[in-house]
Amino acid sequence: MKGYFTMNDKEVNRMPIMEKLLKKEIKQKQAAQILGLSLRQIKRLKKRYKKQGAEGLIHKNRGRVSNHKIPSKEIDRATKIVKKRYWDFGPTLAWEKLTQDHHLSFSVETLRKAMIRDGIWKSKKQRRPRIHQMRERRDQRGELVQIDGSPHAWFENRAPRCCLLVFVDDATSELLWLQFFPTETINAYFQSVYGYLKKDGKPLAFYSDKNGIFRINQKKDGKSGLEDSQGLTHFGKAMEELNIELIAANTAQAKGRVEKANLTLQDRLVKELRLRKINTIKKANQYLPKFMKEFNQKFAVKPKNQEDAHRPLLPTENLEAILVKKHHRILSYNLELQYLNKIYQIKTKRPTYSMRKARVTVAENRFGRIKIYYQGKHLKAKELKYTTITKYPKSEIINTKLLNVKMDTIKIKQRPVLSHPLRQSYKQQYAYAN
């Protein structure tokens, strides 16, 4: 026997069994059971080992090029396309785009290896796993819907950051509703809930975080939370009127379905918006129904119980009147009230003294429009332009979700114009001063 040859562990372990088989210490059936091979393979190996020795146990295809190997030109073409158009895509998403739009047909693993080889993609480092108690999915679609807002640079650097409201079904991981808004506000949730309820009906429960939109977090008697304060937010009151249970998660991991969906959307949806050159919230919202349909076809799972738990809206449930913020005010002697740093005066035909100090309800709908009610009847009112209010406005209370947006508007207001001396060169400032 000339030269050297290499054998793997499996082939080396077969040698003592073949020796025993040739010495007739064991039978062919016993050798097949030990090596986990068929009797026909044992006969073939015995014949080759007897004739060629240890070399006969080596696989004959070792060192040969597979007949099904993908041409290197096709793989190089794929990596060039990925570098040009999908440089920040993961292997799975990039493979989907290559098969759909560029008609390239090979496995995801082949593309993954090629992307790693060319330095286009690096696998995530293994992190120490955090153990959380696993919770089984609910049985029916519409039984529990997880809701959350995802602030992100959805349009990358083509437009300002905005927020995507995400509604995910716990039983199926199906995207039930997506909608873009500038920020995560109660009016944004009211608009999303309105569209979702009109499309699917009422779920049994919403599962949210501890945001102030969903529950009262102010301390009362040294305690905090809804269970202690016995109070409801505007959103909570609306859900109570619609008979939809509102549950707050204790940790982000507890509502893992929607959190995982957020991460997937921040990867896939951002790239889809880029490929379609969508740069505005309006155009993005028009595209979302199509994206949801394709997303659900790929990732949604079948529920244990095929019956849908969504309930139809009752004829008495008027969403226009339910999904509103309601505040109470006391009318002055001039039939005036103040709301959001604005003064409104009631127009009425009845004697003015009859409504003095009357308790009225100010209802602000999901679009920010104001209506005033007294004993269930709508009152006409006009906004008064008082110089004292505009000159000395009260301190505005801003939610933490809106703070960045508010600061951006302040920066724009206080930015000097181009002709301002501070934005001119030293020579121009000197000439301006003299």
Protein backbone atom coordinates (compact mmCIF):
# COMPACT_ATOMS: atom_id res chain seq x y z
CA MET A 1 0.00 0.00 0.00
CA LYS A 2 1.56 3.27 -1.13
CA GLY A 3 1.17 6.73 0.42
CA TYR A 4 -1.15 7.85 3.23
CA PHE A 5 -4.91 8.07 3.60
CA THR A 6 -7.18 9.61 6.22
CA MET A 7 -10.08 8.00 8.06
CA ASN A 8 -12.73 9.51 10.29
CA ASP A 9 -13.73 8.13 13.70
CA LYS A 10 -16.65 6.16 12.31
CA GLU A 11 -14.44 4.34 9.80
CA VAL A 12 -11.71 3.64 12.38
CA ASN A 13 -14.28 2.08 14.75
CA ARG A 14 -15.39 -0.31 11.99
CA MET A 15 -11.95 -1.92 11.72
CA PRO A 16 -12.06 -4.15 14.89
CA ILE A 17 -15.61 -5.27 13.97
CA MET A 18 -14.41 -6.25 10.48
CA GLU A 19 -11.45 -8.16 12.02
CA LYS A 20 -13.80 -10.14 14.27
CA LEU A 21 -16.07 -10.78 11.32
CA LEU A 22 -13.19 -12.18 9.20
CA LYS A 23 -12.06 -14.39 12.12
CA LYS A 24 -15.66 -15.61 12.42
CA GLU A 25 -15.86 -14.49 16.05
CA ILE A 26 -19.17 -12.76 15.33
CA LYS A 27 -21.79 -13.19 12.66
CA GLN A 28 -22.77 -10.71 9.97
CA LYS A 29 -26.13 -10.03 11.65
CA GLN A 30 -24.38 -9.15 14.93
CA ALA A 31 -21.95 -6.83 13.12
CA ALA A 32 -24.88 -5.05 11.43
CA GLN A 33 -26.54 -4.45 14.81
CA ILE A 34 -23.31 -3.12 16.39
CA LEU A 35 -22.54 -0.70 13.52
CA GLY A 36 -26.17 0.24 12.83
CA LEU A 37 -25.95 -0.84 9.19
CA SER A 38 -27.98 -3.16 7.01
CA LEU A 39 -26.90 -6.73 6.32
CA ARG A 40 -26.30 -5.82 2.68
CA GLN A 41 -23.89 -3.01 3.67
CA ILE A 42 -22.01 -5.37 6.02
CA LYS A 43 -21.48 -7.87 3.19
CA ARG A 44 -20.18 -5.11 0.92
CA LEU A 45 -17.81 -3.73 3.61
CA LYS A 46 -16.52 -7.23 4.45
CA LYS A 47 -15.71 -7.90 0.83
CA ARG A 48 -13.88 -4.56 0.40
CA TYR A 49 -12.00 -4.90 3.71
CA LYS A 50 -10.83 -8.41 2.81
CA LYS A 51 -9.55 -7.18 -0.55
CA GLN A 52 -8.19 -3.65 0.22
CA GLY A 53 -7.73 -3.65 3.99
CA ALA A 54 -8.43 -0.46 5.99
CA GLU A 55 -8.55 1.61 2.79
CA GLY A 56 -11.65 -0.31 1.73
CA LEU A 57 -13.61 1.20 4.64
CA ILE A 58 -13.14 4.80 3.38
CA HIS A 59 -16.15 6.38 1.66
CA LYS A 60 -15.64 6.37 -2.12
CA ASN A 61 -17.02 9.90 -2.63
CA ARG A 62 -14.41 11.48 -0.37
CA GLY A 63 -12.43 14.11 -2.27
CA ARG A 64 -14.84 14.12 -5.21
CA VAL A 65 -16.95 17.09 -6.27
CA SER A 66 -20.67 16.50 -5.80
CA ASN A 67 -22.82 16.28 -8.90
CA HIS A 68 -25.33 18.60 -7.23
CA LYS A 69 -22.82 21.29 -6.26
CA ILE A 70 -24.06 24.79 -7.06
CA PRO A 71 -21.76 26.58 -9.54
CA SER A 72 -19.50 29.13 -7.86
CA LYS A 73 -20.55 31.74 -10.46
CA GLU A 74 -24.15 31.57 -9.24
CA ILE A 75 -23.10 31.95 -5.59
CA ASP A 76 -20.83 34.89 -6.46
CA ARG A 77 -23.69 36.51 -8.37
CA ALA A 78 -25.92 36.12 -5.33
CA THR A 79 -23.38 37.67 -2.95
CA LYS A 80 -22.88 40.61 -5.33
CA ILE A 81 -26.64 41.28 -5.30
CA VAL A 82 -26.69 41.01 -1.52
CA LYS A 83 -23.80 43.48 -1.20
CA LYS A 84 -25.51 45.94 -3.53
CA ARG A 85 -29.14 45.79 -2.33
CA TYR A 86 -29.43 43.69 0.83
CA TRP A 87 -26.20 44.45 2.69
CA ASP A 88 -27.87 44.55 6.13
CA PHE A 89 -30.34 41.69 5.56
CA GLY A 90 -30.08 38.47 7.50
CA PRO A 91 -29.45 35.27 5.46
CA THR A 92 -33.07 34.10 5.67
CA LEU A 93 -34.61 37.39 4.52
CA ALA A 94 -31.94 37.89 1.86
CA TRP A 95 -32.60 34.35 0.55
CA GLU A 96 -36.34 35.11 0.32
CA LYS A 97 -35.64 38.22 -1.77
CA LEU A 98 -33.19 36.39 -4.03
CA THR A 99 -35.66 33.58 -4.74
CA GLN A 100 -38.65 35.91 -5.24
CA ASP A 101 -37.10 38.79 -7.18
CA HIS A 102 -33.92 37.36 -8.74
CA HIS A 103 -34.95 33.73 -9.39
CA LEU A 104 -31.92 32.18 -7.67
CA SER A 105 -32.55 28.68 -6.31
CA PHE A 106 -30.35 27.23 -3.59
CA SER A 107 -30.66 26.65 0.13
CA VAL A 108 -30.52 29.24 2.90
CA GLU A 109 -27.49 27.53 4.42
CA THR A 110 -25.54 27.88 1.17
CA LEU A 111 -26.23 31.61 1.15
CA ARG A 112 -25.44 31.87 4.89
CA LYS A 113 -22.00 30.25 4.38
CA ALA A 114 -21.29 32.50 1.39
CA MET A 115 -22.27 35.65 3.32
CA ILE A 116 -20.06 34.62 6.27
CA ARG A 117 -17.19 33.81 3.91
CA ASP A 118 -17.39 37.25 2.26
CA GLY A 119 -17.83 39.06 5.57
CA ILE A 120 -21.35 40.32 4.73
CA TRP A 121 -22.97 38.74 7.78
CA LYS A 122 -21.72 37.67 11.18
CA SER A 123 -23.60 35.32 13.46
CA LYS A 124 -24.66 36.65 16.87
CA LYS A 125 -22.46 35.75 19.79
CA GLN A 126 -23.87 33.22 22.18
CA ARG A 127 -25.37 35.07 25.12
CA ARG A 128 -25.98 33.68 28.53
CA PRO A 129 -29.65 32.70 28.46
CA ARG A 130 -32.03 34.32 30.92
CA ILE A 131 -34.51 31.78 32.19
CA HIS A 132 -38.17 32.83 32.23
CA GLN A 133 -41.11 30.63 32.99
CA MET A 134 -42.71 29.42 29.78
CA ARG A 135 -46.38 30.14 29.25
CA GLU A 136 -48.45 28.15 26.77
CA ARG A 137 -50.39 29.94 24.06
CA ARG A 138 -54.08 30.61 24.52
CA ASP A 139 -56.38 28.18 22.75
CA GLN A 140 -58.47 30.50 20.56
CA ARG A 141 -57.81 33.39 18.22
CA GLY A 142 -59.03 36.61 19.81
CA GLU A 143 -58.89 35.23 23.35
CA LEU A 144 -55.86 37.36 24.31
CA VAL A 145 -54.38 40.15 22.17
CA GLN A 146 -50.99 41.62 23.11
CA ILE A 147 -50.60 45.34 22.32
CA ASP A 148 -47.48 47.50 22.36
CA GLY A 149 -45.90 50.56 20.80
CA SER A 150 -42.53 50.29 19.05
CA PRO A 151 -40.67 53.63 18.67
CA HIS A 152 -37.97 53.17 16.05
CA ALA A 153 -36.28 54.78 13.04
CA TRP A 154 -38.69 52.98 10.71
CA PHE A 155 -37.73 55.16 7.72
CA GLU A 156 -34.04 55.15 8.73
CA ASN A 157 -32.56 58.57 7.87
CA ARG A 158 -35.20 59.38 5.23
CA ALA A 159 -37.73 60.71 7.77
CA PRO A 160 -37.98 61.38 11.53
CA ARG A 161 -38.44 58.55 14.04
CA CYS A 162 -42.02 57.44 14.62
CA CYS A 163 -43.96 54.77 16.52
CA LEU A 164 -45.64 51.61 15.24
CA LEU A 165 -48.57 50.26 17.26
CA VAL A 166 -48.61 46.45 17.10
CA PHE A 167 -51.51 44.12 17.96
CA VAL A 168 -50.51 40.42 18.08
CA ASP A 169 -52.78 37.45 18.79
CA ASP A 170 -51.45 35.25 21.59
CA ALA A 171 -52.84 31.98 20.19
CA THR A 172 -51.55 32.32 16.61
CA SER A 173 -48.81 35.03 16.67
CA GLU A 174 -50.88 36.67 13.91
CA LEU A 175 -50.52 40.41 13.32
CA LEU A 176 -54.05 41.69 13.88
CA TRP A 177 -53.34 45.41 13.44
CA LEU A 178 -50.41 47.66 12.56
CA GLN A 179 -50.47 51.45 12.30
CA PHE A 180 -47.85 54.17 12.28
CA PHE A 181 -48.13 57.33 14.41
CA PRO A 182 -45.68 60.13 15.23
CA THR A 183 -45.70 59.09 18.91
CA GLU A 184 -47.34 56.58 21.26
CA THR A 185 -50.39 58.41 22.65
CA ILE A 186 -53.84 57.50 23.89
CA ASN A 187 -55.44 58.98 20.75
CA ALA A 188 -53.14 56.78 18.65
CA TYR A 189 -54.33 53.71 20.57
CA PHE A 190 -57.95 54.81 20.21
CA GLN A 191 -57.51 55.05 16.41
CA SER A 192 -55.84 51.63 16.26
CA VAL A 193 -58.47 49.99 18.49
CA TYR A 194 -61.21 51.56 16.34
CA GLY A 195 -59.76 50.06 13.14
CA TYR A 196 -59.07 46.68 14.75
CA LEU A 197 -62.55 46.33 16.31
CA LYS A 198 -64.21 47.31 13.02
CA LYS A 199 -62.17 44.63 11.22
CA ASP A 200 -62.22 41.67 13.64
CA GLY A 201 -64.60 42.48 16.48
CA LYS A 202 -63.97 42.56 20.23
CA PRO A 203 -61.32 40.28 21.80
CA LEU A 204 -61.78 38.88 25.29
CA ALA A 205 -58.74 40.72 26.69
CA PHE A 206 -55.88 43.09 25.85
CA TYR A 207 -52.43 42.37 27.33
CA SER A 208 -50.30 45.53 27.67
CA ASP A 209 -47.38 46.96 29.64
CA LYS A 210 -47.65 49.32 32.64
CA ASN A 211 -47.74 52.48 30.55
CA GLY A 212 -49.78 55.34 31.99
CA ILE A 213 -52.12 55.04 29.02
CA PHE A 214 -53.38 51.70 30.31
CA ARG A 215 -53.22 52.01 34.09
CA ILE A 216 -52.87 54.60 36.85
CA ASN A 217 -49.37 54.48 38.28
CA GLN A 218 -49.50 57.44 40.70
CA LYS A 219 -48.93 56.59 44.32
CA LYS A 220 -51.86 56.71 46.66
CA ASP A 221 -51.52 56.05 50.39
CA GLY A 222 -48.03 54.70 49.82
CA LYS A 223 -49.23 52.26 47.16
CA SER A 224 -49.42 52.29 43.39
CA GLY A 225 -51.20 50.62 40.51
CA LEU A 226 -54.77 50.00 39.50
CA GLU A 227 -55.37 47.41 42.16
CA ASP A 228 -54.63 49.97 44.89
CA SER A 229 -55.95 53.23 43.50
CA GLN A 230 -59.23 51.68 42.27
CA GLY A 231 -59.07 54.06 39.31
CA LEU A 232 -59.17 53.69 35.55
CA THR A 233 -57.48 55.64 32.77
CA HIS A 234 -59.45 56.92 29.78
CA PHE A 235 -58.38 53.82 27.86
CA GLY A 236 -59.38 51.57 30.77
CA LYS A 237 -62.82 53.19 30.99
CA ALA A 238 -63.37 52.70 27.26
CA MET A 239 -62.38 49.01 27.47
CA GLU A 240 -64.65 48.53 30.50
CA GLU A 241 -67.55 49.98 28.53
CA LEU A 242 -66.77 47.60 25.64
CA ASN A 243 -66.46 44.64 28.06
CA ILE A 244 -62.82 43.99 27.08
CA GLU A 245 -60.55 42.92 29.94
CA LEU A 246 -57.36 44.97 30.27
CA ILE A 247 -54.37 43.09 31.76
CA ALA A 248 -50.98 44.64 32.54
CA ALA A 249 -47.84 42.52 32.18
CA ASN A 250 -45.33 42.59 35.02
CA THR A 251 -42.27 42.20 32.74
CA ALA A 252 -41.45 42.65 29.06
CA GLN A 253 -40.81 38.90 28.77
CA ALA A 254 -44.38 38.19 29.90
CA LYS A 255 -45.69 39.64 26.64
CA GLY A 256 -43.01 37.96 24.59
CA ARG A 257 -45.17 37.44 21.48
CA VAL A 258 -45.48 41.16 20.76
CA GLU A 259 -41.90 41.90 21.86
CA LYS A 260 -40.59 39.25 19.45
CA ALA A 261 -42.86 40.62 16.72
CA ASN A 262 -41.39 44.09 17.32
CA LEU A 263 -37.85 42.81 16.78
CA THR A 264 -38.86 40.98 13.60
CA LEU A 265 -40.70 44.04 12.28
CA GLN A 266 -37.76 46.33 13.05
CA ASP A 267 -35.71 44.09 10.78
CA ARG A 268 -38.08 43.07 7.98
CA LEU A 269 -40.49 46.02 7.79
CA VAL A 270 -37.68 48.61 7.75
CA LYS A 271 -36.11 46.89 4.75
CA GLU A 272 -39.43 46.49 2.93
CA LEU A 273 -40.11 50.23 3.35
CA ARG A 274 -36.64 51.00 2.02
CA LEU A 275 -37.05 48.77 -1.05
CA ARG A 276 -40.40 50.42 -1.86
CA LYS A 277 -38.99 53.91 -1.21
CA ILE A 278 -41.70 54.69 1.35
CA ASN A 279 -40.77 57.75 3.40
CA THR A 280 -44.02 58.96 4.99
CA ILE A 281 -46.39 57.65 7.64
CA LYS A 282 -49.37 57.97 5.29
CA LYS A 283 -47.82 55.81 2.54
CA ALA A 284 -46.51 53.34 5.10
CA ASN A 285 -49.99 52.86 6.61
CA GLN A 286 -51.35 52.21 3.10
CA TYR A 287 -48.75 49.46 2.60
CA LEU A 288 -49.22 47.77 6.01
CA PRO A 289 -52.30 45.61 5.13
CA LYS A 290 -50.36 43.93 2.32
CA PHE A 291 -47.34 43.43 4.57
CA MET A 292 -49.51 41.95 7.34
CA LYS A 293 -51.05 39.44 4.93
CA GLU A 294 -47.65 38.21 3.71
CA PHE A 295 -46.22 38.20 7.26
CA ASN A 296 -49.10 36.13 8.66
CA GLN A 297 -48.84 33.59 5.83
CA LYS A 298 -45.22 32.92 6.84
CA PHE A 299 -45.26 33.16 10.62
CA ALA A 300 -48.80 32.63 11.94
CA VAL A 301 -49.56 29.24 13.54
CA LYS A 302 -52.82 27.36 13.87
CA PRO A 303 -54.64 27.67 17.21
CA LYS A 304 -55.61 24.63 19.27
CA ASN A 305 -59.27 25.60 19.02
CA GLN A 306 -60.39 26.71 15.55
CA GLU A 307 -63.33 28.76 16.89
CA ASP A 308 -62.75 32.51 16.85
CA ALA A 309 -63.23 34.18 20.26
CA HIS A 310 -63.82 37.63 18.77
CA ARG A 311 -67.27 39.05 19.58
CA PRO A 312 -69.24 41.37 17.27
CA LEU A 313 -69.90 44.94 18.32
CA LEU A 314 -73.34 45.47 19.81
CA PRO A 315 -75.73 47.98 18.17
CA THR A 316 -75.57 50.04 21.37
CA GLU A 317 -71.75 50.22 21.33
CA ASN A 318 -70.96 53.43 19.46
CA LEU A 319 -67.17 53.58 19.12
CA GLU A 320 -67.32 57.27 18.24
CA ALA A 321 -68.79 57.98 21.69
CA ILE A 322 -66.79 55.36 23.63
CA LEU A 323 -63.23 55.88 22.36
CA VAL A 324 -62.91 59.41 23.75
CA LYS A 325 -61.23 61.20 26.64
CA LYS A 326 -63.83 62.63 29.02
CA HIS A 327 -63.13 65.47 31.47
CA HIS A 328 -65.52 67.35 33.75
CA ARG A 329 -65.56 71.13 34.07
CA ILE A 330 -67.64 73.72 35.98
CA LEU A 331 -69.03 76.62 33.95
CA SER A 332 -68.29 80.15 35.16
CA TYR A 333 -70.88 82.95 35.52
CA ASN A 334 -70.12 83.86 31.89
CA LEU A 335 -70.69 80.22 30.81
CA GLU A 336 -66.98 79.76 30.14
CA LEU A 337 -64.67 76.83 30.79
CA GLN A 338 -60.96 76.18 30.30
CA TYR A 339 -59.51 73.08 28.68
CA LEU A 340 -55.93 72.51 27.50
CA ASN A 341 -54.97 76.19 27.96
CA LYS A 342 -57.94 77.30 25.86
CA ILE A 343 -61.14 79.03 26.95
CA TYR A 344 -64.49 78.04 25.47
CA GLN A 345 -67.77 79.94 25.85
CA ILE A 346 -71.12 78.15 25.65
CA LYS A 347 -73.71 79.40 23.16
CA THR A 348 -77.22 78.74 24.47
CA LYS A 349 -80.74 80.13 24.01
CA ARG A 350 -81.80 79.43 27.58
CA PRO A 351 -81.24 82.12 30.23
CA THR A 352 -77.57 82.38 31.17
CA TYR A 353 -78.22 82.18 34.91
CA SER A 354 -79.74 78.68 34.59
CA MET A 355 -76.40 77.11 33.57
CA ARG A 356 -74.09 79.04 35.88
CA LYS A 357 -71.86 76.66 37.87
CA ALA A 358 -73.25 73.73 35.86
CA ARG A 359 -71.11 70.59 35.60
CA VAL A 360 -70.39 69.76 31.95
CA THR A 361 -68.41 67.02 30.22
CA VAL A 362 -65.65 67.82 27.73
CA ALA A 363 -65.13 64.92 25.30
CA GLU A 364 -62.00 64.79 23.12
CA ASN A 365 -62.19 62.17 20.38
CA ARG A 366 -59.29 60.20 18.86
CA PHE A 367 -58.58 63.00 16.35
CA GLY A 368 -58.36 65.70 19.04
CA ARG A 369 -61.75 67.30 18.29
CA ILE A 370 -63.61 68.76 21.27
CA LYS A 371 -67.32 68.41 22.11
CA ILE A 372 -69.06 69.65 25.26
CA TYR A 373 -72.08 67.89 26.79
CA TYR A 374 -74.53 68.89 29.51
CA GLN A 375 -76.88 66.22 30.84
CA GLY A 376 -76.20 64.12 27.75
CA LYS A 377 -76.98 66.94 25.28
CA HIS A 378 -74.41 68.51 22.99
CA LEU A 379 -73.68 72.21 23.60
CA LYS A 380 -72.42 74.64 20.98
CA ALA A 381 -69.31 76.55 22.03
CA LYS A 382 -66.74 78.90 20.58
CA GLU A 383 -63.06 79.29 21.47
CA LEU A 384 -62.12 82.67 22.92
CA LYS A 385 -58.79 84.24 21.96
CA TYR A 386 -57.68 85.82 25.24
CA THR A 387 -54.35 87.65 25.16
CA THR A 388 -53.64 86.71 28.78
CA ILE A 389 -53.84 83.02 28.01
CA THR A 390 -51.60 83.23 24.95
CA LYS A 391 -49.13 85.58 26.58
CA TYR A 392 -48.80 83.68 29.87
CA PRO A 393 -49.65 80.03 29.15
CA LYS A 394 -49.66 77.48 31.93
CA SER A 395 -46.89 74.91 32.22
CA GLU A 396 -47.71 72.10 29.82
CA ILE A 397 -47.78 68.56 31.20
CA ILE A 398 -45.90 66.29 28.80
CA ASN A 399 -45.85 62.51 28.79
CA THR A 400 -42.40 60.92 28.62
CA LYS A 401 -43.36 59.38 25.27
CA LEU A 402 -43.93 62.91 23.88
CA LEU A 403 -40.92 64.63 25.45
CA ASN A 404 -38.55 64.11 22.50
CA VAL A 405 -41.14 65.39 20.02
CA LYS A 406 -41.78 68.47 22.17
CA MET A 407 -38.05 69.21 22.48
CA ASP A 408 -37.62 68.92 18.70
CA THR A 409 -40.35 71.54 18.15
CA ILE A 410 -38.73 73.85 20.73
CA LYS A 411 -35.35 73.51 18.97
CA ILE A 412 -36.95 74.39 15.62
CA LYS A 413 -38.64 77.47 17.13
CA GLN A 414 -35.42 78.70 18.73
CA ARG A 415 -33.15 78.02 15.76
CA PRO A 416 -31.78 81.35 14.43
CA VAL A 417 -32.72 82.38 10.90
CA LEU A 418 -30.05 82.40 8.18
CA SER A 419 -29.72 86.20 8.38
CA HIS A 420 -29.07 86.12 12.13
CA PRO A 421 -25.59 87.43 13.11
CA LEU A 422 -24.82 84.22 15.02
CA ARG A 423 -25.08 82.22 11.79
CA GLN A 424 -22.72 84.51 9.87
CA SER A 425 -18.95 84.58 9.58
CA TYR A 426 -16.72 86.72 11.82
CA LYS A 427 -16.28 89.38 9.11
CA GLN A 428 -20.03 89.59 8.53
CA GLN A 429 -20.67 89.91 12.29
CA TYR A 430 -18.04 92.70 12.50
CA ALA A 431 -19.63 94.56 9.59
CA TYR A 432 -23.08 94.08 11.17
CA ALA A 433 -21.88 95.50 14.52
CA ASN A 434 -20.38 98.56 12.84
